[in-house]
Amino acid sequence: MEVAKDGSPPAVVKLLQTGLYVGANDVAEPPVEHVYELADRVDDVEVYQYQQAASEATD
């Protein structure tokens, strides 16, 4: 993860989840992007909180 010039962490981190799933379908699933927002700082450790996509919230 890259930090700003002043050393501060990014406000938002986007991570891609990819992989193969063993079972009936051995074809790679399309990548899924997960978004995390900087929520807090505890004992000098940045804490990020998962932001649920609007499409997931309605499922």
PDB file of N, CA and C in Angstrom:
ATOM      1  N   MET A   1       0.849  -1.149   0.000  1.00  0.00           N
ATOM      2  CA  MET A   1       0.000   0.000   0.000  1.00  0.00           C
ATOM      3  C   MET A   1       0.906   1.226   0.000  1.00  0.00           C
ATOM      4  N   GLU A   2       0.584   2.167  -0.843  1.00  0.00           N
ATOM      5  CA  GLU A   2       1.366   3.392  -0.917  1.00  0.00           C
ATOM      6  C   GLU A   2       0.819   4.423   0.073  1.00  0.00           C
ATOM      7  N   VAL A   3       1.716   5.166   0.670  1.00  0.00           N
ATOM      8  CA  VAL A   3       1.326   6.241   1.582  1.00  0.00           C
ATOM      9  C   VAL A   3       1.554   7.573   0.894  1.00  0.00           C
ATOM     10  N   ALA A   4       0.968   8.623   1.430  1.00  0.00           N
ATOM     11  CA  ALA A   4       1.149   9.971   0.896  1.00  0.00           C
ATOM     12  C   ALA A   4       2.567  10.453   1.187  1.00  0.00           C
ATOM     13  N   LYS A   5       2.946  11.544   0.570  1.00  0.00           N
ATOM     14  CA  LYS A   5       4.291  12.103   0.773  1.00  0.00           C
ATOM     15  C   LYS A   5       4.571  12.393   2.240  1.00  0.00           C
ATOM     16  N   ASP A   6       3.530  12.743   2.999  1.00  0.00           N
ATOM     17  CA  ASP A   6       3.717  13.049   4.422  1.00  0.00           C
ATOM     18  C   ASP A   6       3.693  11.792   5.292  1.00  0.00           C
ATOM     19  N   GLY A   7       3.544  10.608   4.658  1.00  0.00           N
ATOM     20  CA  GLY A   7       3.549   9.353   5.406  1.00  0.00           C
ATOM     21  C   GLY A   7       2.185   8.905   5.889  1.00  0.00           C
ATOM     22  N   SER A   8       1.144   9.674   5.585  1.00  0.00           N
ATOM     23  CA  SER A   8      -0.194   9.298   6.043  1.00  0.00           C
ATOM     24  C   SER A   8      -0.761   8.185   5.152  1.00  0.00           C
ATOM     25  N   PRO A   9      -1.572   7.312   5.736  1.00  0.00           N
ATOM     26  CA  PRO A   9      -2.148   6.205   4.962  1.00  0.00           C
ATOM     27  C   PRO A   9      -3.255   6.705   4.045  1.00  0.00           C
ATOM     28  N   PRO A  10      -3.592   5.940   3.008  1.00  0.00           N
ATOM     29  CA  PRO A  10      -4.694   6.347   2.133  1.00  0.00           C
ATOM     30  C   PRO A  10      -6.032   6.265   2.859  1.00  0.00           C
ATOM     31  N   ALA A  11      -6.963   7.113   2.465  1.00  0.00           N
ATOM     32  CA  ALA A  11      -8.289   7.119   3.079  1.00  0.00           C
ATOM     33  C   ALA A  11      -9.117   5.931   2.616  1.00  0.00           C
ATOM     34  N   VAL A  12      -8.836   5.438   1.394  1.00  0.00           N
ATOM     35  CA  VAL A  12      -9.578   4.312   0.822  1.00  0.00           C
ATOM     36  C   VAL A  12      -8.589   3.322   0.226  1.00  0.00           C
ATOM     37  N   VAL A  13      -8.832   2.037   0.468  1.00  0.00           N
ATOM     38  CA  VAL A  13      -8.013   0.973  -0.109  1.00  0.00           C
ATOM     39  C   VAL A  13      -8.933   0.052  -0.883  1.00  0.00           C
ATOM     40  N   LYS A  14      -8.560  -0.256  -2.130  1.00  0.00           N
ATOM     41  CA  LYS A  14      -9.332  -1.178  -2.953  1.00  0.00           C
ATOM     42  C   LYS A  14      -8.489  -2.428  -3.178  1.00  0.00           C
ATOM     43  N   LEU A  15      -9.063  -3.583  -2.837  1.00  0.00           N
ATOM     44  CA  LEU A  15      -8.375  -4.861  -2.988  1.00  0.00           C
ATOM     45  C   LEU A  15      -9.176  -5.763  -3.912  1.00  0.00           C
ATOM     46  N   LEU A  16      -8.455  -6.466  -4.805  1.00  0.00           N
ATOM     47  CA  LEU A  16      -9.106  -7.418  -5.685  1.00  0.00           C
ATOM     48  C   LEU A  16      -9.008  -8.813  -5.106  1.00  0.00           C
ATOM     49  N   GLN A  17     -10.110  -9.533  -5.123  1.00  0.00           N
ATOM     50  CA  GLN A  17     -10.124 -10.929  -4.701  1.00  0.00           C
ATOM     51  C   GLN A  17     -10.272 -11.767  -5.962  1.00  0.00           C
ATOM     52  N   THR A  18      -9.317 -12.664  -6.180  1.00  0.00           N
ATOM     53  CA  THR A  18      -9.368 -13.556  -7.330  1.00  0.00           C
ATOM     54  C   THR A  18      -9.068 -14.965  -6.864  1.00  0.00           C
ATOM     55  N   GLY A  19      -9.335 -15.928  -7.726  1.00  0.00           N
ATOM     56  CA  GLY A  19      -8.972 -17.284  -7.368  1.00  0.00           C
ATOM     57  C   GLY A  19      -9.761 -18.332  -8.109  1.00  0.00           C
ATOM     58  N   LEU A  20      -9.342 -19.555  -7.918  1.00  0.00           N
ATOM     59  CA  LEU A  20     -10.036 -20.721  -8.461  1.00  0.00           C
ATOM     60  C   LEU A  20     -10.797 -21.392  -7.336  1.00  0.00           C
ATOM     61  N   TYR A  21     -11.927 -21.931  -7.657  1.00  0.00           N
ATOM     62  CA  TYR A  21     -12.720 -22.633  -6.678  1.00  0.00           C
ATOM     63  C   TYR A  21     -12.812 -24.096  -7.098  1.00  0.00           C
ATOM     64  N   VAL A  22     -12.383 -24.983  -6.245  1.00  0.00           N
ATOM     65  CA  VAL A  22     -12.394 -26.406  -6.553  1.00  0.00           C
ATOM     66  C   VAL A  22     -13.800 -26.931  -6.321  1.00  0.00           C
ATOM     67  N   GLY A  23     -14.296 -27.670  -7.275  1.00  0.00           N
ATOM     68  CA  GLY A  23     -15.641 -28.219  -7.153  1.00  0.00           C
ATOM     69  C   GLY A  23     -16.219 -28.468  -8.522  1.00  0.00           C
ATOM     70  N   ALA A  24     -17.501 -28.238  -8.652  1.00  0.00           N
ATOM     71  CA  ALA A  24     -18.185 -28.494  -9.921  1.00  0.00           C
ATOM     72  C   ALA A  24     -17.672 -27.584 -11.029  1.00  0.00           C
ATOM     73  N   ASN A  25     -17.205 -26.392 -10.681  1.00  0.00           N
ATOM     74  CA  ASN A  25     -16.727 -25.440 -11.673  1.00  0.00           C
ATOM     75  C   ASN A  25     -15.272 -25.110 -11.378  1.00  0.00           C
ATOM     76  N   ASP A  26     -14.362 -25.562 -12.229  1.00  0.00           N
ATOM     77  CA  ASP A  26     -12.936 -25.299 -12.026  1.00  0.00           C
ATOM     78  C   ASP A  26     -12.456 -24.118 -12.865  1.00  0.00           C
ATOM     79  N   VAL A  27     -13.358 -23.238 -13.210  1.00  0.00           N
ATOM     80  CA  VAL A  27     -13.028 -22.053 -13.993  1.00  0.00           C
ATOM     81  C   VAL A  27     -12.864 -20.878 -13.032  1.00  0.00           C
ATOM     82  N   ALA A  28     -11.852 -20.083 -13.288  1.00  0.00           N
ATOM     83  CA  ALA A  28     -11.609 -18.926 -12.422  1.00  0.00           C
ATOM     84  C   ALA A  28     -12.811 -17.989 -12.423  1.00  0.00           C
ATOM     85  N   GLU A  29     -13.175 -17.524 -11.246  1.00  0.00           N
ATOM     86  CA  GLU A  29     -14.242 -16.547 -11.108  1.00  0.00           C
ATOM     87  C   GLU A  29     -13.693 -15.164 -11.472  1.00  0.00           C
ATOM     88  N   PRO A  30     -14.533 -14.245 -11.936  1.00  0.00           N
ATOM     89  CA  PRO A  30     -14.044 -12.894 -12.233  1.00  0.00           C
ATOM     90  C   PRO A  30     -13.592 -12.211 -10.941  1.00  0.00           C
ATOM     91  N   PRO A  31     -12.601 -11.327 -11.033  1.00  0.00           N
ATOM     92  CA  PRO A  31     -12.142 -10.610  -9.831  1.00  0.00           C
ATOM     93  C   PRO A  31     -13.272  -9.796  -9.206  1.00  0.00           C
ATOM     94  N   VAL A  32     -13.256  -9.724  -7.886  1.00  0.00           N
ATOM     95  CA  VAL A  32     -14.237  -8.945  -7.140  1.00  0.00           C
ATOM     96  C   VAL A  32     -13.468  -7.879  -6.367  1.00  0.00           C
ATOM     97  N   GLU A  33     -13.874  -6.624  -6.511  1.00  0.00           N
ATOM     98  CA  GLU A  33     -13.192  -5.532  -5.814  1.00  0.00           C
ATOM     99  C   GLU A  33     -13.855  -5.281  -4.465  1.00  0.00           C
ATOM    100  N   HIS A  34     -13.038  -5.193  -3.430  1.00  0.00           N
ATOM    101  CA  HIS A  34     -13.514  -4.878  -2.088  1.00  0.00           C
ATOM    102  C   HIS A  34     -12.932  -3.523  -1.692  1.00  0.00           C
ATOM    103  N   VAL A  35     -13.775  -2.675  -1.101  1.00  0.00           N
ATOM    104  CA  VAL A  35     -13.360  -1.327  -0.730  1.00  0.00           C
ATOM    105  C   VAL A  35     -13.347  -1.206   0.790  1.00  0.00           C
ATOM    106  N   TYR A  36     -12.248  -0.670   1.305  1.00  0.00           N
ATOM    107  CA  TYR A  36     -12.088  -0.445   2.738  1.00  0.00           C
ATOM    108  C   TYR A  36     -11.777   1.026   2.954  1.00  0.00           C
ATOM    109  N   GLU A  37     -12.435   1.649   3.936  1.00  0.00           N
ATOM    110  CA  GLU A  37     -12.196   3.051   4.274  1.00  0.00           C
ATOM    111  C   GLU A  37     -11.496   3.142   5.621  1.00  0.00           C
ATOM    112  N   LEU A  38     -10.585   4.093   5.719  1.00  0.00           N
ATOM    113  CA  LEU A  38      -9.886   4.337   6.975  1.00  0.00           C
ATOM    114  C   LEU A  38     -10.901   4.797   8.011  1.00  0.00           C
ATOM    115  N   ALA A  39     -11.032   4.026   9.085  1.00  0.00           N
ATOM    116  CA  ALA A  39     -12.083   4.296  10.068  1.00  0.00           C
ATOM    117  C   ALA A  39     -11.549   4.840  11.380  1.00  0.00           C
ATOM    118  N   ASP A  40     -10.345   4.416  11.769  1.00  0.00           N
ATOM    119  CA  ASP A  40      -9.850   4.775  13.101  1.00  0.00           C
ATOM    120  C   ASP A  40      -8.355   4.508  13.159  1.00  0.00           C
ATOM    121  N   ARG A  41      -7.777   4.845  14.286  1.00  0.00           N
ATOM    122  CA  ARG A  41      -6.381   4.539  14.561  1.00  0.00           C
ATOM    123  C   ARG A  41      -6.320   4.074  16.006  1.00  0.00           C
ATOM    124  N   VAL A  42      -5.784   2.865  16.224  1.00  0.00           N
ATOM    125  CA  VAL A  42      -5.709   2.283  17.555  1.00  0.00           C
ATOM    126  C   VAL A  42      -4.257   1.899  17.827  1.00  0.00           C
ATOM    127  N   ASP A  43      -3.672   2.465  18.867  1.00  0.00           N
ATOM    128  CA  ASP A  43      -2.284   2.162  19.232  1.00  0.00           C
ATOM    129  C   ASP A  43      -1.343   2.288  18.041  1.00  0.00           C
ATOM    130  N   ASP A  44      -1.439   3.401  17.315  1.00  0.00           N
ATOM    131  CA  ASP A  44      -0.599   3.677  16.143  1.00  0.00           C
ATOM    132  C   ASP A  44      -0.801   2.701  14.990  1.00  0.00           C
ATOM    133  N   VAL A  45      -1.939   2.027  14.937  1.00  0.00           N
ATOM    134  CA  VAL A  45      -2.270   1.124  13.839  1.00  0.00           C
ATOM    135  C   VAL A  45      -3.546   1.630  13.172  1.00  0.00           C
ATOM    136  N   GLU A  46      -3.474   1.829  11.846  1.00  0.00           N
ATOM    137  CA  GLU A  46      -4.647   2.282  11.117  1.00  0.00           C
ATOM    138  C   GLU A  46      -5.651   1.140  11.010  1.00  0.00           C
ATOM    139  N   VAL A  47      -6.920   1.464  11.226  1.00  0.00           N
ATOM    140  CA  VAL A  47      -7.988   0.467  11.170  1.00  0.00           C
ATOM    141  C   VAL A  47      -8.888   0.822   9.996  1.00  0.00           C
ATOM    142  N   TYR A  48      -9.029  -0.130   9.071  1.00  0.00           N
ATOM    143  CA  TYR A  48      -9.885   0.060   7.904  1.00  0.00           C
ATOM    144  C   TYR A  48     -11.162  -0.731   8.086  1.00  0.00           C
ATOM    145  N   GLN A  49     -12.261  -0.184   7.581  1.00  0.00           N
ATOM    146  CA  GLN A  49     -13.568  -0.824   7.698  1.00  0.00           C
ATOM    147  C   GLN A  49     -14.079  -1.143   6.297  1.00  0.00           C
ATOM    148  N   TYR A  50     -14.557  -2.386   6.121  1.00  0.00           N
ATOM    149  CA  TYR A  50     -15.103  -2.834   4.839  1.00  0.00           C
ATOM    150  C   TYR A  50     -16.349  -2.035   4.506  1.00  0.00           C
ATOM    151  N   GLN A  51     -16.432  -1.568   3.275  1.00  0.00           N
ATOM    152  CA  GLN A  51     -17.604  -0.826   2.813  1.00  0.00           C
ATOM    153  C   GLN A  51     -18.390  -1.730   1.876  1.00  0.00           C
ATOM    154  N   GLN A  52     -19.544  -2.175   2.314  1.00  0.00           N
ATOM    155  CA  GLN A  52     -20.370  -3.080   1.532  1.00  0.00           C
ATOM    156  C   GLN A  52     -20.918  -2.367   0.305  1.00  0.00           C
ATOM    157  N   ALA A  53     -20.812  -3.005  -0.849  1.00  0.00           N
ATOM    158  CA  ALA A  53     -21.341  -2.444  -2.085  1.00  0.00           C
ATOM    159  C   ALA A  53     -22.850  -2.364  -2.015  1.00  0.00           C
ATOM    160  N   ALA A  54     -23.430  -1.400  -2.702  1.00  0.00           N
ATOM    161  CA  ALA A  54     -24.884  -1.221  -2.680  1.00  0.00           C
ATOM    162  C   ALA A  54     -25.595  -2.473  -3.176  1.00  0.00           C
ATOM    163  N   SER A  55     -25.016  -3.166  -4.161  1.00  0.00           N
ATOM    164  CA  SER A  55     -25.648  -4.383  -4.692  1.00  0.00           C
ATOM    165  C   SER A  55     -25.652  -5.504  -3.661  1.00  0.00           C
ATOM    166  N   GLU A  56     -24.650  -5.545  -2.778  1.00  0.00           N
ATOM    167  CA  GLU A  56     -24.590  -6.566  -1.715  1.00  0.00           C
ATOM    168  C   GLU A  56     -25.595  -6.264  -0.610  1.00  0.00           C
ATOM    169  N   ALA A  57     -25.830  -4.994  -0.359  1.00  0.00           N
ATOM    170  CA  ALA A  57     -26.728  -4.605   0.732  1.00  0.00           C
ATOM    171  C   ALA A  57     -28.177  -4.982   0.427  1.00  0.00           C
ATOM    172  N   THR A  58     -28.518  -5.105  -0.836  1.00  0.00           N
ATOM    173  CA  THR A  58     -29.900  -5.424  -1.190  1.00  0.00           C
ATOM    174  C   THR A  58     -30.129  -6.915  -1.385  1.00  0.00           C
ATOM    175  N   ASP A  59     -29.075  -7.720  -1.345  1.00  0.00           N
ATOM    176  CA  ASP A  59     -29.212  -9.181  -1.526  1.00  0.00           C
ATOM    177  C   ASP A  59     -29.841  -9.831  -0.318  1.00  0.00           C
TER     178      ASP A  59
END
